[in-house]
Amino acid sequence: MIRILIWGLLLYIGYRIVISLTAPRKTAAKPVEKRDSAETTYRDPVCGVYVSEEQAVVGRHNGERHYFCSMDCLEKYREQLDHLST
């Protein structure tokens, strides 16, 4: 009885190998990201990460706009300005 189970298992494994080798390959379609090649990125002055204008947190200092990756970086920048002005 054990021999029949082992032969059945071996036949099944062989069948799956043959099927996998002969089956047509499906190529996964890569999602196309819609990106504007002219999209401008800005470097965060605190951590150095580049962010797009849409995703950036904008802060102003002396009339200049500064772009940050997060509110944490904006707050750190403000703390640095406070330490420099004291």
PDB file of N, CA and C in Angstrom:
ATOM      1  N   MET A   1       0.814  -1.189   0.000  1.00  0.00           N
ATOM      2  CA  MET A   1       0.000   0.000   0.000  1.00  0.00           C
ATOM      3  C   MET A   1       0.863   1.260   0.000  1.00  0.00           C
ATOM      4  N   ILE A   2       1.944   1.291   0.777  1.00  0.00           N
ATOM      5  CA  ILE A   2       2.845   2.427   0.847  1.00  0.00           C
ATOM      6  C   ILE A   2       3.486   2.652  -0.518  1.00  0.00           C
ATOM      7  N   ARG A   3       3.849   1.568  -1.205  1.00  0.00           N
ATOM      8  CA  ARG A   3       4.476   1.691  -2.523  1.00  0.00           C
ATOM      9  C   ARG A   3       3.535   2.388  -3.505  1.00  0.00           C
ATOM     10  N   ILE A   4       2.267   2.092  -3.438  1.00  0.00           N
ATOM     11  CA  ILE A   4       1.291   2.716  -4.341  1.00  0.00           C
ATOM     12  C   ILE A   4       1.191   4.217  -4.053  1.00  0.00           C
ATOM     13  N   LEU A   5       1.185   4.602  -2.781  1.00  0.00           N
ATOM     14  CA  LEU A   5       1.143   6.020  -2.408  1.00  0.00           C
ATOM     15  C   LEU A   5       2.396   6.757  -2.880  1.00  0.00           C
ATOM     16  N   ILE A   6       3.550   6.137  -2.692  1.00  0.00           N
ATOM     17  CA  ILE A   6       4.805   6.759  -3.123  1.00  0.00           C
ATOM     18  C   ILE A   6       4.821   6.919  -4.639  1.00  0.00           C
ATOM     19  N   TRP A   7       4.410   5.876  -5.383  1.00  0.00           N
ATOM     20  CA  TRP A   7       4.366   5.978  -6.853  1.00  0.00           C
ATOM     21  C   TRP A   7       3.356   7.037  -7.296  1.00  0.00           C
ATOM     22  N   GLY A   8       2.237   7.111  -6.628  1.00  0.00           N
ATOM     23  CA  GLY A   8       1.235   8.131  -6.953  1.00  0.00           C
ATOM     24  C   GLY A   8       1.774   9.532  -6.716  1.00  0.00           C
ATOM     25  N   LEU A   9       2.479   9.700  -5.607  1.00  0.00           N
ATOM     26  CA  LEU A   9       3.076  10.990  -5.287  1.00  0.00           C
ATOM     27  C   LEU A   9       4.140  11.372  -6.316  1.00  0.00           C
ATOM     28  N   LEU A  10       4.985  10.441  -6.688  1.00  0.00           N
ATOM     29  CA  LEU A  10       6.015  10.706  -7.693  1.00  0.00           C
ATOM     30  C   LEU A  10       5.410  11.042  -9.049  1.00  0.00           C
ATOM     31  N   LEU A  11       4.344  10.335  -9.425  1.00  0.00           N
ATOM     32  CA  LEU A  11       3.663  10.629 -10.689  1.00  0.00           C
ATOM     33  C   LEU A  11       3.044  12.026 -10.669  1.00  0.00           C
ATOM     34  N   TYR A  12       2.455  12.387  -9.543  1.00  0.00           N
ATOM     35  CA  TYR A  12       1.847  13.710  -9.416  1.00  0.00           C
ATOM     36  C   TYR A  12       2.907  14.805  -9.509  1.00  0.00           C
ATOM     37  N   ILE A  13       4.028  14.637  -8.812  1.00  0.00           N
ATOM     38  CA  ILE A  13       5.123  15.624  -8.863  1.00  0.00           C
ATOM     39  C   ILE A  13       5.663  15.734 -10.286  1.00  0.00           C
ATOM     40  N   GLY A  14       5.859  14.598 -10.956  1.00  0.00           N
ATOM     41  CA  GLY A  14       6.319  14.624 -12.350  1.00  0.00           C
ATOM     42  C   GLY A  14       5.324  15.334 -13.251  1.00  0.00           C
ATOM     43  N   TYR A  15       4.030  15.078 -13.042  1.00  0.00           N
ATOM     44  CA  TYR A  15       2.984  15.740 -13.820  1.00  0.00           C
ATOM     45  C   TYR A  15       3.049  17.255 -13.629  1.00  0.00           C
ATOM     46  N   ARG A  16       3.187  17.728 -12.391  1.00  0.00           N
ATOM     47  CA  ARG A  16       3.249  19.171 -12.110  1.00  0.00           C
ATOM     48  C   ARG A  16       4.485  19.814 -12.737  1.00  0.00           C
ATOM     49  N   ILE A  17       5.601  19.102 -12.755  1.00  0.00           N
ATOM     50  CA  ILE A  17       6.824  19.620 -13.371  1.00  0.00           C
ATOM     51  C   ILE A  17       6.629  19.760 -14.874  1.00  0.00           C
ATOM     52  N   VAL A  18       6.061  18.749 -15.517  1.00  0.00           N
ATOM     53  CA  VAL A  18       5.830  18.801 -16.964  1.00  0.00           C
ATOM     54  C   VAL A  18       4.870  19.928 -17.308  1.00  0.00           C
ATOM     55  N   ILE A  19       3.803  20.079 -16.543  1.00  0.00           N
ATOM     56  CA  ILE A  19       2.824  21.145 -16.789  1.00  0.00           C
ATOM     57  C   ILE A  19       3.472  22.517 -16.632  1.00  0.00           C
ATOM     58  N   SER A  20       4.286  22.701 -15.606  1.00  0.00           N
ATOM     59  CA  SER A  20       4.904  24.008 -15.381  1.00  0.00           C
ATOM     60  C   SER A  20       5.918  24.355 -16.477  1.00  0.00           C
ATOM     61  N   LEU A  21       6.567  23.334 -17.046  1.00  0.00           N
ATOM     62  CA  LEU A  21       7.538  23.595 -18.109  1.00  0.00           C
ATOM     63  C   LEU A  21       6.866  23.880 -19.446  1.00  0.00           C
ATOM     64  N   THR A  22       5.707  23.294 -19.680  1.00  0.00           N
ATOM     65  CA  THR A  22       5.040  23.467 -20.965  1.00  0.00           C
ATOM     66  C   THR A  22       4.009  24.587 -20.979  1.00  0.00           C
ATOM     67  N   ALA A  23       3.635  25.101 -19.821  1.00  0.00           N
ATOM     68  CA  ALA A  23       2.634  26.166 -19.755  1.00  0.00           C
ATOM     69  C   ALA A  23       3.232  27.469 -20.297  1.00  0.00           C
ATOM     70  N   PRO A  24       2.444  28.236 -21.043  1.00  0.00           N
ATOM     71  CA  PRO A  24       2.952  29.520 -21.537  1.00  0.00           C
ATOM     72  C   PRO A  24       3.191  30.473 -20.373  1.00  0.00           C
ATOM     73  N   ARG A  25       4.240  31.225 -20.492  1.00  0.00           N
ATOM     74  CA  ARG A  25       4.604  32.170 -19.437  1.00  0.00           C
ATOM     75  C   ARG A  25       3.734  33.410 -19.523  1.00  0.00           C
ATOM     76  N   LYS A  26       3.213  33.800 -18.391  1.00  0.00           N
ATOM     77  CA  LYS A  26       2.442  35.035 -18.326  1.00  0.00           C
ATOM     78  C   LYS A  26       3.377  36.120 -17.817  1.00  0.00           C
ATOM     79  N   THR A  27       3.504  37.151 -18.599  1.00  0.00           N
ATOM     80  CA  THR A  27       4.340  38.265 -18.163  1.00  0.00           C
ATOM     81  C   THR A  27       3.478  39.222 -17.354  1.00  0.00           C
ATOM     82  N   ALA A  28       3.992  39.569 -16.227  1.00  0.00           N
ATOM     83  CA  ALA A  28       3.257  40.487 -15.362  1.00  0.00           C
ATOM     84  C   ALA A  28       3.326  41.885 -15.963  1.00  0.00           C
ATOM     85  N   ALA A  29       2.177  42.473 -16.124  1.00  0.00           N
ATOM     86  CA  ALA A  29       2.127  43.833 -16.658  1.00  0.00           C
ATOM     87  C   ALA A  29       2.557  44.798 -15.570  1.00  0.00           C
ATOM     88  N   LYS A  30       3.546  45.589 -15.894  1.00  0.00           N
ATOM     89  CA  LYS A  30       4.014  46.571 -14.929  1.00  0.00           C
ATOM     90  C   LYS A  30       3.074  47.767 -14.959  1.00  0.00           C
ATOM     91  N   PRO A  31       2.686  48.241 -13.788  1.00  0.00           N
ATOM     92  CA  PRO A  31       1.807  49.401 -13.770  1.00  0.00           C
ATOM     93  C   PRO A  31       2.546  50.627 -14.306  1.00  0.00           C
ATOM     94  N   VAL A  32       1.864  51.363 -15.104  1.00  0.00           N
ATOM     95  CA  VAL A  32       2.466  52.560 -15.691  1.00  0.00           C
ATOM     96  C   VAL A  32       2.156  53.732 -14.789  1.00  0.00           C
ATOM     97  N   GLU A  33       3.201  54.358 -14.326  1.00  0.00           N
ATOM     98  CA  GLU A  33       3.013  55.517 -13.472  1.00  0.00           C
ATOM     99  C   GLU A  33       2.988  56.753 -14.349  1.00  0.00           C
ATOM    100  N   LYS A  34       2.014  57.559 -14.112  1.00  0.00           N
ATOM    101  CA  LYS A  34       1.898  58.791 -14.879  1.00  0.00           C
ATOM    102  C   LYS A  34       2.751  59.841 -14.190  1.00  0.00           C
ATOM    103  N   ARG A  35       3.861  60.142 -14.819  1.00  0.00           N
ATOM    104  CA  ARG A  35       4.770  61.121 -14.243  1.00  0.00           C
ATOM    105  C   ARG A  35       5.092  62.187 -15.269  1.00  0.00           C
ATOM    106  N   ASP A  36       5.124  63.363 -14.798  1.00  0.00           N
ATOM    107  CA  ASP A  36       5.515  64.480 -15.642  1.00  0.00           C
ATOM    108  C   ASP A  36       7.026  64.600 -15.558  1.00  0.00           C
ATOM    109  N   SER A  37       7.688  64.476 -16.688  1.00  0.00           N
ATOM    110  CA  SER A  37       9.153  64.502 -16.673  1.00  0.00           C
ATOM    111  C   SER A  37       9.686  65.866 -16.260  1.00  0.00           C
ATOM    112  N   ALA A  38       8.851  66.885 -16.328  1.00  0.00           N
ATOM    113  CA  ALA A  38       9.290  68.231 -15.960  1.00  0.00           C
ATOM    114  C   ALA A  38       8.944  68.556 -14.513  1.00  0.00           C
ATOM    115  N   GLU A  39       8.515  67.564 -13.743  1.00  0.00           N
ATOM    116  CA  GLU A  39       8.146  67.801 -12.352  1.00  0.00           C
ATOM    117  C   GLU A  39       9.382  68.219 -11.565  1.00  0.00           C
ATOM    118  N   THR A  40       9.262  69.306 -10.863  1.00  0.00           N
ATOM    119  CA  THR A  40      10.389  69.848 -10.118  1.00  0.00           C
ATOM    120  C   THR A  40      10.412  69.254  -8.723  1.00  0.00           C
ATOM    121  N   THR A  41      11.597  68.884  -8.280  1.00  0.00           N
ATOM    122  CA  THR A  41      11.763  68.393  -6.917  1.00  0.00           C
ATOM    123  C   THR A  41      12.647  69.368  -6.157  1.00  0.00           C
ATOM    124  N   TYR A  42      12.454  69.394  -4.867  1.00  0.00           N
ATOM    125  CA  TYR A  42      13.196  70.292  -3.991  1.00  0.00           C
ATOM    126  C   TYR A  42      13.857  69.477  -2.897  1.00  0.00           C
ATOM    127  N   ARG A  43      15.021  69.924  -2.481  1.00  0.00           N
ATOM    128  CA  ARG A  43      15.774  69.219  -1.442  1.00  0.00           C
ATOM    129  C   ARG A  43      15.409  69.779  -0.081  1.00  0.00           C
ATOM    130  N   ASP A  44      15.036  68.887   0.810  1.00  0.00           N
ATOM    131  CA  ASP A  44      14.725  69.266   2.182  1.00  0.00           C
ATOM    132  C   ASP A  44      16.014  69.745   2.838  1.00  0.00           C
ATOM    133  N   PRO A  45      16.046  70.988   3.383  1.00  0.00           N
ATOM    134  CA  PRO A  45      17.290  71.503   3.975  1.00  0.00           C
ATOM    135  C   PRO A  45      17.696  70.809   5.271  1.00  0.00           C
ATOM    136  N   VAL A  46      16.795  70.058   5.889  1.00  0.00           N
ATOM    137  CA  VAL A  46      17.120  69.398   7.153  1.00  0.00           C
ATOM    138  C   VAL A  46      17.672  68.000   6.921  1.00  0.00           C
ATOM    139  N   CYS A  47      16.903  67.157   6.225  1.00  0.00           N
ATOM    140  CA  CYS A  47      17.315  65.759   6.081  1.00  0.00           C
ATOM    141  C   CYS A  47      17.860  65.434   4.699  1.00  0.00           C
ATOM    142  N   GLY A  48      17.693  66.319   3.729  1.00  0.00           N
ATOM    143  CA  GLY A  48      18.275  66.106   2.407  1.00  0.00           C
ATOM    144  C   GLY A  48      17.434  65.291   1.447  1.00  0.00           C
ATOM    145  N   VAL A  49      16.215  64.939   1.828  1.00  0.00           N
ATOM    146  CA  VAL A  49      15.336  64.159   0.964  1.00  0.00           C
ATOM    147  C   VAL A  49      14.771  65.074  -0.118  1.00  0.00           C
ATOM    148  N   TYR A  50      14.640  64.544  -1.337  1.00  0.00           N
ATOM    149  CA  TYR A  50      14.036  65.306  -2.414  1.00  0.00           C
ATOM    150  C   TYR A  50      12.540  65.045  -2.433  1.00  0.00           C
ATOM    151  N   VAL A  51      11.752  66.121  -2.483  1.00  0.00           N
ATOM    152  CA  VAL A  51      10.297  66.009  -2.497  1.00  0.00           C
ATOM    153  C   VAL A  51       9.741  66.843  -3.640  1.00  0.00           C
ATOM    154  N   SER A  52       8.597  66.385  -4.167  1.00  0.00           N
ATOM    155  CA  SER A  52       7.935  67.158  -5.206  1.00  0.00           C
ATOM    156  C   SER A  52       7.151  68.287  -4.552  1.00  0.00           C
ATOM    157  N   GLU A  53       6.799  69.277  -5.345  1.00  0.00           N
ATOM    158  CA  GLU A  53       6.077  70.425  -4.808  1.00  0.00           C
ATOM    159  C   GLU A  53       4.706  70.011  -4.277  1.00  0.00           C
ATOM    160  N   GLU A  54       4.102  69.005  -4.913  1.00  0.00           N
ATOM    161  CA  GLU A  54       2.787  68.537  -4.479  1.00  0.00           C
ATOM    162  C   GLU A  54       2.837  67.877  -3.104  1.00  0.00           C
ATOM    163  N   GLN A  55       3.907  67.164  -2.827  1.00  0.00           N
ATOM    164  CA  GLN A  55       3.995  66.394  -1.583  1.00  0.00           C
ATOM    165  C   GLN A  55       4.723  67.142  -0.471  1.00  0.00           C
ATOM    166  N   ALA A  56       5.294  68.268  -0.774  1.00  0.00           N
ATOM    167  CA  ALA A  56       6.126  68.971   0.195  1.00  0.00           C
ATOM    168  C   ALA A  56       5.299  69.786   1.181  1.00  0.00           C
ATOM    169  N   VAL A  57       5.876  69.965   2.365  1.00  0.00           N
ATOM    170  CA  VAL A  57       5.356  70.891   3.356  1.00  0.00           C
ATOM    171  C   VAL A  57       6.147  72.172   3.143  1.00  0.00           C
ATOM    172  N   VAL A  58       5.448  73.267   2.913  1.00  0.00           N
ATOM    173  CA  VAL A  58       6.108  74.514   2.539  1.00  0.00           C
ATOM    174  C   VAL A  58       6.213  75.426   3.753  1.00  0.00           C
ATOM    175  N   GLY A  59       7.413  75.951   3.958  1.00  0.00           N
ATOM    176  CA  GLY A  59       7.644  76.930   5.008  1.00  0.00           C
ATOM    177  C   GLY A  59       8.281  78.170   4.397  1.00  0.00           C
ATOM    178  N   ARG A  60       8.129  79.301   5.047  1.00  0.00           N
ATOM    179  CA  ARG A  60       8.697  80.555   4.539  1.00  0.00           C
ATOM    180  C   ARG A  60       9.657  81.130   5.572  1.00  0.00           C
ATOM    181  N   HIS A  61      10.742  81.704   5.036  1.00  0.00           N
ATOM    182  CA  HIS A  61      11.722  82.393   5.880  1.00  0.00           C
ATOM    183  C   HIS A  61      12.331  83.507   5.056  1.00  0.00           C
ATOM    184  N   ASN A  62      12.224  84.724   5.548  1.00  0.00           N
ATOM    185  CA  ASN A  62      12.730  85.914   4.848  1.00  0.00           C
ATOM    186  C   ASN A  62      12.180  86.005   3.426  1.00  0.00           C
ATOM    187  N   GLY A  63      10.915  85.670   3.254  1.00  0.00           N
ATOM    188  CA  GLY A  63      10.282  85.767   1.945  1.00  0.00           C
ATOM    189  C   GLY A  63      10.601  84.621   1.002  1.00  0.00           C
ATOM    190  N   GLU A  64      11.431  83.694   1.416  1.00  0.00           N
ATOM    191  CA  GLU A  64      11.783  82.551   0.573  1.00  0.00           C
ATOM    192  C   GLU A  64      10.948  81.340   0.986  1.00  0.00           C
ATOM    193  N   ARG A  65      10.577  80.564  -0.022  1.00  0.00           N
ATOM    194  CA  ARG A  65       9.856  79.316   0.248  1.00  0.00           C
ATOM    195  C   ARG A  65      10.862  78.190   0.424  1.00  0.00           C
ATOM    196  N   HIS A  66      10.663  77.401   1.455  1.00  0.00           N
ATOM    197  CA  HIS A  66      11.491  76.224   1.707  1.00  0.00           C
ATOM    198  C   HIS A  66      10.570  75.010   1.722  1.00  0.00           C
ATOM    199  N   TYR A  67      11.023  73.937   1.105  1.00  0.00           N
ATOM    200  CA  TYR A  67      10.212  72.733   0.966  1.00  0.00           C
ATOM    201  C   TYR A  67      10.762  71.642   1.870  1.00  0.00           C
ATOM    202  N   PHE A  68       9.857  71.000   2.634  1.00  0.00           N
ATOM    203  CA  PHE A  68      10.241  69.984   3.601  1.00  0.00           C
ATOM    204  C   PHE A  68       9.475  68.701   3.333  1.00  0.00           C
ATOM    205  N   CYS A  69      10.067  67.573   3.727  1.00  0.00           N
ATOM    206  CA  CYS A  69       9.407  66.279   3.518  1.00  0.00           C
ATOM    207  C   CYS A  69       8.321  66.024   4.546  1.00  0.00           C
ATOM    208  N   SER A  70       8.410  66.671   5.706  1.00  0.00           N
ATOM    209  CA  SER A  70       7.417  66.447   6.758  1.00  0.00           C
ATOM    210  C   SER A  70       7.371  67.646   7.691  1.00  0.00           C
ATOM    211  N   MET A  71       6.348  67.661   8.538  1.00  0.00           N
ATOM    212  CA  MET A  71       6.230  68.728   9.537  1.00  0.00           C
ATOM    213  C   MET A  71       7.367  68.640  10.555  1.00  0.00           C
ATOM    214  N   ASP A  72       7.847  67.427  10.823  1.00  0.00           N
ATOM    215  CA  ASP A  72       8.968  67.278  11.761  1.00  0.00           C
ATOM    216  C   ASP A  72      10.195  68.032  11.272  1.00  0.00           C
ATOM    217  N   CYS A  73      10.494  67.910   9.970  1.00  0.00           N
ATOM    218  CA  CYS A  73      11.658  68.609   9.425  1.00  0.00           C
ATOM    219  C   CYS A  73      11.442  70.121   9.445  1.00  0.00           C
ATOM    220  N   LEU A  74      10.224  70.575   9.188  1.00  0.00           N
ATOM    221  CA  LEU A  74       9.923  72.000   9.247  1.00  0.00           C
ATOM    222  C   LEU A  74      10.139  72.525  10.661  1.00  0.00           C
ATOM    223  N   GLU A  75       9.685  71.771  11.659  1.00  0.00           N
ATOM    224  CA  GLU A  75       9.864  72.188  13.047  1.00  0.00           C
ATOM    225  C   GLU A  75      11.339  72.196  13.446  1.00  0.00           C
ATOM    226  N   LYS A  76      12.103  71.203  12.983  1.00  0.00           N
ATOM    227  CA  LYS A  76      13.544  71.178  13.271  1.00  0.00           C
ATOM    228  C   LYS A  76      14.228  72.382  12.641  1.00  0.00           C
ATOM    229  N   TYR A  77      13.800  72.755  11.436  1.00  0.00           N
ATOM    230  CA  TYR A  77      14.369  73.916  10.753  1.00  0.00           C
ATOM    231  C   TYR A  77      14.081  75.187  11.546  1.00  0.00           C
ATOM    232  N   ARG A  78      12.852  75.305  12.023  1.00  0.00           N
ATOM    233  CA  ARG A  78      12.491  76.478  12.826  1.00  0.00           C
ATOM    234  C   ARG A  78      13.297  76.522  14.125  1.00  0.00           C
ATOM    235  N   GLU A  79      13.515  75.360  14.748  1.00  0.00           N
ATOM    236  CA  GLU A  79      14.334  75.312  15.961  1.00  0.00           C
ATOM    237  C   GLU A  79      15.770  75.746  15.672  1.00  0.00           C
ATOM    238  N   GLN A  80      16.301  75.329  14.520  1.00  0.00           N
ATOM    239  CA  GLN A  80      17.657  75.727  14.143  1.00  0.00           C
ATOM    240  C   GLN A  80      17.721  77.229  13.949  1.00  0.00           C
ATOM    241  N   LEU A  81      16.694  77.814  13.345  1.00  0.00           N
ATOM    242  CA  LEU A  81      16.664  79.271  13.151  1.00  0.00           C
ATOM    243  C   LEU A  81      16.595  79.999  14.484  1.00  0.00           C
ATOM    244  N   ASP A  82      15.814  79.445  15.427  1.00  0.00           N
ATOM    245  CA  ASP A  82      15.720  80.055  16.753  1.00  0.00           C
ATOM    246  C   ASP A  82      17.069  80.019  17.467  1.00  0.00           C
ATOM    247  N   HIS A  83      17.804  78.920  17.345  1.00  0.00           N
ATOM    248  CA  HIS A  83      19.116  78.808  17.993  1.00  0.00           C
ATOM    249  C   HIS A  83      20.123  79.746  17.355  1.00  0.00           C
ATOM    250  N   LEU A  84      20.025  79.949  16.048  1.00  0.00           N
ATOM    251  CA  LEU A  84      20.962  80.853  15.363  1.00  0.00           C
ATOM    252  C   LEU A  84      20.693  82.307  15.696  1.00  0.00           C
ATOM    253  N   SER A  85      19.436  82.659  15.923  1.00  0.00           N
ATOM    254  CA  SER A  85      19.104  84.070  16.171  1.00  0.00           C
ATOM    255  C   SER A  85      19.312  84.466  17.626  1.00  0.00           C
ATOM    256  N   THR A  86      19.553  83.513  18.536  1.00  0.00           N
ATOM    257  CA  THR A  86      19.768  83.867  19.942  1.00  0.00           C
ATOM    258  C   THR A  86      21.204  84.074  20.255  1.00  0.00           C
TER     259      THR A  86
END
